[in-house]
C-alpha atoms as a PDB file:
ATOM      1  CA  MET A   1      65.471   4.307 -25.375  1.00  0.00           C
ATOM      2  CA  THR A   2      64.335   3.598 -28.899  1.00  0.00           C
ATOM      3  CA  SER A   3      61.030   4.920 -30.100  1.00  0.00           C
ATOM      4  CA  GLU A   4      58.938   2.868 -32.462  1.00  0.00           C
ATOM      5  CA  PRO A   5      57.452   4.431 -35.587  1.00  0.00           C
ATOM      6  CA  LEU A   6      53.934   5.768 -35.196  1.00  0.00           C
ATOM      7  CA  ASP A   7      51.239   3.436 -36.510  1.00  0.00           C
ATOM      8  CA  ARG A   8      48.999   5.844 -38.456  1.00  0.00           C
ATOM      9  CA  GLU A   9      46.214   3.241 -38.611  1.00  0.00           C
ATOM     10  CA  ALA A  10      45.976   3.118 -34.800  1.00  0.00           C
ATOM     11  CA  VAL A  11      45.719   6.899 -34.320  1.00  0.00           C
ATOM     12  CA  PRO A  12      42.164   8.239 -34.643  1.00  0.00           C
ATOM     13  CA  ARG A  13      41.893  11.136 -37.073  1.00  0.00           C
ATOM     14  CA  ARG A  14      40.515  14.431 -35.824  1.00  0.00           C
ATOM     15  CA  VAL A  15      37.300  15.334 -37.569  1.00  0.00           C
ATOM     16  CA  PRO A  16      36.825  19.095 -37.925  1.00  0.00           C
ATOM     17  CA  PRO A  17      33.602  20.611 -36.559  1.00  0.00           C
ATOM     18  CA  ARG A  18      30.786  20.663 -39.103  1.00  0.00           C
ATOM     19  CA  THR A  19      29.198  23.946 -38.048  1.00  0.00           C
ATOM     20  CA  ARG A  20      30.299  27.392 -36.906  1.00  0.00           C
ATOM     21  CA  ARG A  21      28.776  26.606 -33.523  1.00  0.00           C
ATOM     22  CA  GLY A  22      30.935  23.462 -33.366  1.00  0.00           C
ATOM     23  CA  GLU A  23      34.004  25.537 -34.236  1.00  0.00           C
ATOM     24  CA  ARG A  24      33.189  27.995 -31.432  1.00  0.00           C
ATOM     25  CA  THR A  25      32.625  25.151 -28.952  1.00  0.00           C
ATOM     26  CA  ARG A  26      35.916  23.501 -29.909  1.00  0.00           C
ATOM     27  CA  ALA A  27      37.786  26.811 -29.567  1.00  0.00           C
ATOM     28  CA  ALA A  28      36.173  27.422 -26.157  1.00  0.00           C
ATOM     29  CA  LEU A  29      37.099  23.914 -24.960  1.00  0.00           C
ATOM     30  CA  ILE A  30      40.717  24.346 -26.097  1.00  0.00           C
ATOM     31  CA  ALA A  31      40.890  27.702 -24.284  1.00  0.00           C
ATOM     32  CA  GLY A  32      39.357  26.027 -21.200  1.00  0.00           C
ATOM     33  CA  VAL A  33      41.949  23.255 -21.335  1.00  0.00           C
ATOM     34  CA  ARG A  34      44.776  25.788 -21.507  1.00  0.00           C
ATOM     35  CA  GLU A  35      43.352  27.771 -18.589  1.00  0.00           C
ATOM     36  CA  VAL A  36      42.847  24.722 -16.360  1.00  0.00           C
ATOM     37  CA  PHE A  37      46.214  23.123 -17.247  1.00  0.00           C
ATOM     38  CA  GLU A  38      48.050  26.381 -16.480  1.00  0.00           C
ATOM     39  CA  ARG A  39      46.203  26.768 -13.185  1.00  0.00           C
ATOM     40  CA  ASP A  40      45.937  23.185 -11.936  1.00  0.00           C
ATOM     41  CA  VAL A  41      48.654  21.329 -13.866  1.00  0.00           C
ATOM     42  CA  TYR A  42      47.802  18.379 -16.103  1.00  0.00           C
ATOM     43  CA  LEU A  43      47.589  15.683 -13.413  1.00  0.00           C
ATOM     44  CA  ASP A  44      45.234  17.727 -11.215  1.00  0.00           C
ATOM     45  CA  ALA A  45      42.957  18.913 -14.038  1.00  0.00           C
ATOM     46  CA  ARG A  46      39.357  17.688 -14.070  1.00  0.00           C
ATOM     47  CA  THR A  47      37.061  17.640 -17.072  1.00  0.00           C
ATOM     48  CA  ALA A  48      34.338  19.360 -15.027  1.00  0.00           C
ATOM     49  CA  ASP A  49      36.719  22.301 -14.460  1.00  0.00           C
ATOM     50  CA  ILE A  50      37.514  22.450 -18.188  1.00  0.00           C
ATOM     51  CA  PHE A  51      33.824  22.567 -19.140  1.00  0.00           C
ATOM     52  CA  LYS A  52      33.183  25.274 -16.541  1.00  0.00           C
ATOM     53  CA  ALA A  53      36.120  27.376 -17.798  1.00  0.00           C
ATOM     54  CA  ALA A  54      34.898  26.928 -21.379  1.00  0.00           C
ATOM     55  CA  GLY A  55      31.279  27.689 -20.527  1.00  0.00           C
ATOM     56  CA  ALA A  56      30.341  24.445 -22.265  1.00  0.00           C
ATOM     57  CA  ALA A  57      28.144  21.496 -21.355  1.00  0.00           C
ATOM     58  CA  ALA A  58      29.767  18.123 -20.706  1.00  0.00           C
ATOM     59  CA  GLY A  59      27.728  16.672 -23.569  1.00  0.00           C
ATOM     60  CA  SER A  60      29.582  18.874 -26.051  1.00  0.00           C
ATOM     61  CA  TRP A  61      32.609  16.595 -25.828  1.00  0.00           C
ATOM     62  CA  SER A  62      32.825  13.044 -27.050  1.00  0.00           C
ATOM     63  CA  MET A  63      35.441  10.435 -27.802  1.00  0.00           C
ATOM     64  CA  PRO A  64      35.159   7.830 -30.534  1.00  0.00           C
ATOM     65  CA  CYS A  65      34.339   4.354 -29.256  1.00  0.00           C
ATOM     66  CA  ARG A  66      36.768   1.587 -29.990  1.00  0.00           C
ATOM     67  CA  SER A  67      35.803  -2.039 -29.959  1.00  0.00           C
ATOM     68  CA  GLY A  68      38.067  -4.768 -28.722  1.00  0.00           C
ATOM     69  CA  PRO A  69      38.854  -6.862 -25.687  1.00  0.00           C
ATOM     70  CA  ASN A  70      39.693  -3.781 -23.585  1.00  0.00           C
ATOM     71  CA  SER A  71      36.750  -1.605 -24.591  1.00  0.00           C
ATOM     72  CA  SER A  72      34.208  -0.594 -21.977  1.00  0.00           C
ATOM     73  CA  ARG A  73      31.279  -1.516 -24.216  1.00  0.00           C
ATOM     74  CA  PRO A  74      28.858  -3.841 -22.398  1.00  0.00           C
ATOM     75  CA  ARG A  75      28.934  -7.413 -23.622  1.00  0.00           C
ATOM     76  CA  PRO A  76      25.858  -9.508 -24.317  1.00  0.00           C
ATOM     77  CA  SER A  77      25.067 -11.971 -21.553  1.00  0.00           C
ATOM     78  CA  GLY A  78      26.758 -15.332 -22.039  1.00  0.00           C
ATOM     79  CA  SER A  79      29.582 -13.920 -24.184  1.00  0.00           C
ATOM     80  CA  ARG A  80      33.219 -14.680 -23.401  1.00  0.00           C
ATOM     81  CA  ARG A  81      36.191 -12.436 -23.466  1.00  0.00           C
END
């Protein structure tokens, strides 16, 4: 199996937290992920369990939106794919 080189343009860059509170939240979420993955294994892990383990609200986590034909962004009525 041959692996293709990584396309750096396609990989979103991680933006560091802007505040100390953001740093603490990120650290808590990473610790929550570790705890849940060790306990439940990756495939059985749920984001709700991670937030609970981290003591964080679900709104403290976000993913960048990507546009394109496969994005989940709603389309204006009458538009085609």
